[in-house]
Structures are given as structure tokens and as C-alpha cells.
Amino acid sequence: MINTFEYIQKYPLRTKQLLGISYEKFTDLVDSAKKCYEEEQQKREQSKIRIHRRGGGRKEIL
């Protein structure tokens, strides 16, 4: 079973029928959502209180 995002990527002309917006607007919307998500991730990383240094802790055996 194919999900909606993959279907839209495969058939971009059907986007208007499925979502009511054009494929270009949909890709712009996805890009802006990705950008906002990355900005929120950076804000979380900056406000996170680290107890140990990055990369610290027990090393992996495998």
C-alpha cells in the first residue's frame, strides 16, 4: 500500500484533485514545514541541559 506523499511524488498532476492545492504550493509547504522543524530542533538542542559532554559515556562494543 502506497502512502499519500509517495503517491503525490509519483503523480504530481493529481495533487490538485487530492489536496486542493497545486503541486508547487504543496512542495513549498513541505519545504517550509521542514525548515520550521529543523529550527525547532536547534532551539531544543540549545536549551537542553547536558550533564555529560557530547560523545561521552561508555563506548560501544560492537
Protein backbone atom coordinates (compact mmCIF):
# COMPACT_ATOMS: atom_id res chain seq x y z
CA MET A 1 0.00 0.00 0.00
CA ILE A 2 1.39 3.38 -1.00
CA ASN A 3 1.02 6.39 1.28
CA THR A 4 -0.29 9.75 0.09
CA PHE A 5 3.07 11.52 0.00
CA GLU A 6 4.62 8.83 -2.21
CA TYR A 7 1.55 8.88 -4.46
CA ILE A 8 1.85 12.65 -4.89
CA GLN A 9 5.54 12.31 -5.68
CA LYS A 10 4.73 9.68 -8.30
CA TYR A 11 1.73 11.52 -9.81
CA PRO A 12 2.22 15.28 -9.27
CA LEU A 13 -0.66 16.21 -11.57
CA ARG A 14 -3.17 14.56 -9.20
CA THR A 15 -2.19 16.85 -6.30
CA LYS A 16 -4.88 19.40 -7.09
CA GLN A 17 -7.54 16.67 -7.02
CA LEU A 18 -6.31 15.17 -3.74
CA LEU A 19 -5.37 18.23 -1.71
CA GLY A 20 -6.98 21.19 -3.45
CA ILE A 21 -3.63 22.95 -3.96
CA SER A 22 -1.12 22.79 -6.79
CA TYR A 23 1.98 20.61 -6.66
CA GLU A 24 4.26 23.68 -6.50
CA LYS A 25 2.39 25.07 -3.49
CA PHE A 26 2.48 21.64 -1.85
CA THR A 27 6.26 21.36 -2.28
CA ASP A 28 6.68 24.90 -0.91
CA LEU A 29 4.55 23.95 2.07
CA VAL A 30 6.59 20.80 2.71
CA ASP A 31 9.86 22.74 2.44
CA SER A 32 8.70 25.40 4.89
CA ALA A 33 7.49 22.72 7.32
CA LYS A 34 10.91 21.02 7.16
CA LYS A 35 12.63 24.35 7.78
CA CYS A 36 10.41 25.10 10.80
CA TYR A 37 11.02 21.61 12.17
CA GLU A 38 14.79 21.99 11.88
CA GLU A 39 14.66 25.39 13.61
CA GLU A 40 12.65 23.90 16.48
CA GLN A 41 15.16 21.04 16.78
CA GLN A 42 18.01 23.54 17.02
CA LYS A 43 16.16 25.52 19.70
CA ARG A 44 15.62 22.32 21.70
CA GLU A 45 19.29 21.36 21.37
CA GLN A 46 20.42 24.81 22.53
CA SER A 47 18.14 24.85 25.55
CA LYS A 48 18.93 21.26 26.54
CA ILE A 49 20.95 20.90 29.72
CA ARG A 50 23.78 18.45 29.17
CA ILE A 51 25.13 16.52 32.11
CA HIS A 52 27.94 14.90 30.16
CA ARG A 53 29.93 16.17 27.21
CA ARG A 54 28.76 15.26 23.76
CA GLY A 55 30.20 11.87 22.84
CA GLY A 56 30.81 10.96 26.48
CA GLY A 57 29.74 7.78 28.12
CA ARG A 58 30.55 4.15 27.58
CA LYS A 59 31.90 3.23 24.17
CA GLU A 60 30.07 0.68 22.06
CA ILE A 61 31.49 -2.83 21.93
CA LEU A 62 30.01 -3.87 18.60
